Amino acid sequence: MTNLAEQGMKFTPYEYDKVMYCFDELRLGRVDVIITDLLVAYEYIARSEIFEIVWQGGDEEFGVCMRKGNDALTTAINKAIDELFEDGSMLRISKEIFSGMDLVSAVRR
């Protein structure tokens, strides 16, 4: 958010213990906008018709964490992920979970 302030945007930042609290504040009209992870935003949009995403900035990256040096597991996971994209499973799963939204295609540009 510091870069937004540096660009001249004026706002009062608030932090919440749980992400659901900021969406409650938005729903109740106590705040005008929230900034959160895109995946989180899609989750809340899928459950409510009153929210909308009006800006997406930057590239979000997600990863699978594992112990360093486990090359066999890394290769197996990468192969499985590639196969899920190739056969369309990854897109199908995204649309099933996130109310028809494609959250995965941009990952494999």
C-alpha atoms as a PDB file:
ATOM      1  CA  MET A   1       0.000   0.000   0.000  1.00  0.00           C
ATOM      2  CA  THR A   2       2.943   2.286   0.431  1.00  0.00           C
ATOM      3  CA  ASN A   3       3.329   2.509  -3.337  1.00  0.00           C
ATOM      4  CA  LEU A   4      -0.301   3.683  -3.615  1.00  0.00           C
ATOM      5  CA  ALA A   5       0.378   6.485  -1.129  1.00  0.00           C
ATOM      6  CA  GLU A   6       3.538   7.399  -3.033  1.00  0.00           C
ATOM      7  CA  GLN A   7       1.403   7.727  -6.180  1.00  0.00           C
ATOM      8  CA  GLY A   8      -0.719  10.351  -4.414  1.00  0.00           C
ATOM      9  CA  MET A   9      -3.672   8.281  -3.266  1.00  0.00           C
ATOM     10  CA  LYS A  10      -5.090   9.433   0.027  1.00  0.00           C
ATOM     11  CA  PHE A  11      -6.526   6.792   2.344  1.00  0.00           C
ATOM     12  CA  THR A  12      -6.613   5.596   5.905  1.00  0.00           C
ATOM     13  CA  PRO A  13      -5.389   2.012   6.162  1.00  0.00           C
ATOM     14  CA  TYR A  14      -6.968  -0.408   8.618  1.00  0.00           C
ATOM     15  CA  GLU A  15      -5.763  -3.868   9.512  1.00  0.00           C
ATOM     16  CA  TYR A  16      -8.046  -6.700  10.579  1.00  0.00           C
ATOM     17  CA  ASP A  17      -7.313  -9.863  12.535  1.00  0.00           C
ATOM     18  CA  LYS A  18      -9.390 -11.935  10.116  1.00  0.00           C
ATOM     19  CA  VAL A  19     -10.080 -11.259   6.462  1.00  0.00           C
ATOM     20  CA  MET A  20     -13.808 -11.807   6.968  1.00  0.00           C
ATOM     21  CA  TYR A  21     -13.887  -8.705   9.172  1.00  0.00           C
ATOM     22  CA  CYS A  22     -12.825  -6.385   6.357  1.00  0.00           C
ATOM     23  CA  PHE A  23     -15.532  -7.816   4.094  1.00  0.00           C
ATOM     24  CA  ASP A  24     -18.048  -7.252   6.904  1.00  0.00           C
ATOM     25  CA  GLU A  25     -16.889  -3.643   7.150  1.00  0.00           C
ATOM     26  CA  LEU A  26     -17.302  -3.215   3.386  1.00  0.00           C
ATOM     27  CA  ARG A  27     -20.760  -4.803   3.458  1.00  0.00           C
ATOM     28  CA  LEU A  28     -21.812  -2.485   6.305  1.00  0.00           C
ATOM     29  CA  GLY A  29     -20.485   0.605   4.492  1.00  0.00           C
ATOM     30  CA  ARG A  30     -17.842   1.411   7.111  1.00  0.00           C
ATOM     31  CA  VAL A  31     -15.079   1.275   4.481  1.00  0.00           C
ATOM     32  CA  ASP A  32     -15.205   2.038   0.767  1.00  0.00           C
ATOM     33  CA  VAL A  33     -12.668  -0.441  -0.519  1.00  0.00           C
ATOM     34  CA  ILE A  34     -10.499  -3.315   0.611  1.00  0.00           C
ATOM     35  CA  ILE A  35      -7.287  -4.706  -0.788  1.00  0.00           C
ATOM     36  CA  THR A  36      -6.759  -8.421  -0.382  1.00  0.00           C
ATOM     37  CA  ASP A  37      -5.287 -11.432  -2.140  1.00  0.00           C
ATOM     38  CA  LEU A  38      -7.064 -12.129  -5.404  1.00  0.00           C
ATOM     39  CA  LEU A  39      -7.910 -15.680  -4.414  1.00  0.00           C
ATOM     40  CA  VAL A  40      -9.536 -14.427  -1.221  1.00  0.00           C
ATOM     41  CA  ALA A  41     -11.465 -11.798  -3.182  1.00  0.00           C
ATOM     42  CA  TYR A  42     -12.820 -14.417  -5.591  1.00  0.00           C
ATOM     43  CA  GLU A  43     -13.916 -16.566  -2.665  1.00  0.00           C
ATOM     44  CA  TYR A  44     -15.982 -13.752  -1.177  1.00  0.00           C
ATOM     45  CA  ILE A  45     -17.381 -12.686  -4.532  1.00  0.00           C
ATOM     46  CA  ALA A  46     -18.545 -16.238  -5.189  1.00  0.00           C
ATOM     47  CA  ARG A  47     -20.536 -16.133  -1.934  1.00  0.00           C
ATOM     48  CA  SER A  48     -22.040 -12.658  -2.283  1.00  0.00           C
ATOM     49  CA  GLU A  49     -23.633 -10.593  -5.012  1.00  0.00           C
ATOM     50  CA  ILE A  50     -22.779  -7.245  -3.403  1.00  0.00           C
ATOM     51  CA  PHE A  51     -19.003  -7.275  -3.923  1.00  0.00           C
ATOM     52  CA  GLU A  52     -17.066  -6.734  -7.129  1.00  0.00           C
ATOM     53  CA  ILE A  53     -13.404  -6.659  -8.070  1.00  0.00           C
ATOM     54  CA  VAL A  54     -12.617  -3.303  -9.627  1.00  0.00           C
ATOM     55  CA  TRP A  55      -8.838  -3.569  -9.902  1.00  0.00           C
ATOM     56  CA  GLN A  56      -6.278  -6.323 -10.135  1.00  0.00           C
ATOM     57  CA  GLY A  57      -2.671  -5.365  -9.805  1.00  0.00           C
ATOM     58  CA  GLY A  58       0.518  -7.277 -10.099  1.00  0.00           C
ATOM     59  CA  ASP A  59       1.037 -10.975 -10.517  1.00  0.00           C
ATOM     60  CA  GLU A  60       0.180 -13.233  -7.654  1.00  0.00           C
ATOM     61  CA  GLU A  61       2.199 -16.370  -7.306  1.00  0.00           C
ATOM     62  CA  PHE A  62       1.247 -19.460  -5.398  1.00  0.00           C
ATOM     63  CA  GLY A  63       3.540 -22.332  -4.662  1.00  0.00           C
ATOM     64  CA  VAL A  64       3.900 -25.788  -3.297  1.00  0.00           C
ATOM     65  CA  CYS A  65       6.349 -25.922  -0.405  1.00  0.00           C
ATOM     66  CA  MET A  66       8.572 -28.882   0.225  1.00  0.00           C
ATOM     67  CA  ARG A  67      11.930 -29.723   1.685  1.00  0.00           C
ATOM     68  CA  LYS A  68      14.896 -28.547  -0.402  1.00  0.00           C
ATOM     69  CA  GLY A  69      16.747 -31.196  -2.359  1.00  0.00           C
ATOM     70  CA  ASN A  70      13.783 -33.471  -2.950  1.00  0.00           C
ATOM     71  CA  ASP A  71      14.198 -33.374  -6.730  1.00  0.00           C
ATOM     72  CA  ALA A  72      12.161 -36.533  -7.352  1.00  0.00           C
ATOM     73  CA  LEU A  73       9.139 -35.049  -5.574  1.00  0.00           C
ATOM     74  CA  THR A  74       9.589 -31.705  -7.356  1.00  0.00           C
ATOM     75  CA  THR A  75       9.627 -33.479 -10.730  1.00  0.00           C
ATOM     76  CA  ALA A  76       6.559 -35.565  -9.844  1.00  0.00           C
ATOM     77  CA  ILE A  77       4.576 -32.525  -8.653  1.00  0.00           C
ATOM     78  CA  ASN A  78       5.503 -30.465 -11.716  1.00  0.00           C
ATOM     79  CA  LYS A  79       4.494 -33.364 -13.980  1.00  0.00           C
ATOM     80  CA  ALA A  80       1.142 -33.764 -12.197  1.00  0.00           C
ATOM     81  CA  ILE A  81       0.420 -30.028 -12.434  1.00  0.00           C
ATOM     82  CA  ASP A  82       1.328 -29.993 -16.140  1.00  0.00           C
ATOM     83  CA  GLU A  83      -1.042 -32.909 -16.764  1.00  0.00           C
ATOM     84  CA  LEU A  84      -3.876 -31.152 -14.897  1.00  0.00           C
ATOM     85  CA  PHE A  85      -3.457 -28.124 -17.151  1.00  0.00           C
ATOM     86  CA  GLU A  86      -3.089 -30.169 -20.349  1.00  0.00           C
ATOM     87  CA  ASP A  87      -6.248 -32.234 -19.880  1.00  0.00           C
ATOM     88  CA  GLY A  88      -8.345 -29.249 -18.734  1.00  0.00           C
ATOM     89  CA  SER A  89      -8.810 -30.518 -15.183  1.00  0.00           C
ATOM     90  CA  MET A  90      -7.266 -27.436 -13.607  1.00  0.00           C
ATOM     91  CA  LEU A  91      -9.719 -25.107 -15.394  1.00  0.00           C
ATOM     92  CA  ARG A  92     -12.677 -27.373 -14.606  1.00  0.00           C
ATOM     93  CA  ILE A  93     -11.758 -27.487 -10.910  1.00  0.00           C
ATOM     94  CA  SER A  94     -11.332 -23.706 -10.772  1.00  0.00           C
ATOM     95  CA  LYS A  95     -14.750 -23.144 -12.314  1.00  0.00           C
ATOM     96  CA  GLU A  96     -16.409 -25.662 -10.004  1.00  0.00           C
ATOM     97  CA  ILE A  97     -14.929 -24.190  -6.840  1.00  0.00           C
ATOM     98  CA  PHE A  98     -15.097 -20.495  -7.741  1.00  0.00           C
ATOM     99  CA  SER A  99     -18.562 -20.194  -9.313  1.00  0.00           C
ATOM    100  CA  GLY A 100     -17.463 -20.411 -12.943  1.00  0.00           C
ATOM    101  CA  MET A 101     -14.394 -18.189 -12.588  1.00  0.00           C
ATOM    102  CA  ASP A 102     -11.128 -19.037 -14.328  1.00  0.00           C
ATOM    103  CA  LEU A 103      -8.364 -18.440 -11.797  1.00  0.00           C
ATOM    104  CA  VAL A 104      -5.786 -20.668 -13.443  1.00  0.00           C
ATOM    105  CA  SER A 105      -5.360 -19.937 -17.152  1.00  0.00           C
ATOM    106  CA  ALA A 106      -3.291 -16.803 -16.581  1.00  0.00           C
ATOM    107  CA  VAL A 107      -0.776 -18.913 -14.644  1.00  0.00           C
ATOM    108  CA  ARG A 108       0.191 -20.793 -17.817  1.00  0.00           C
ATOM    109  CA  ARG A 109       0.648 -17.937 -20.306  1.00  0.00           C
END
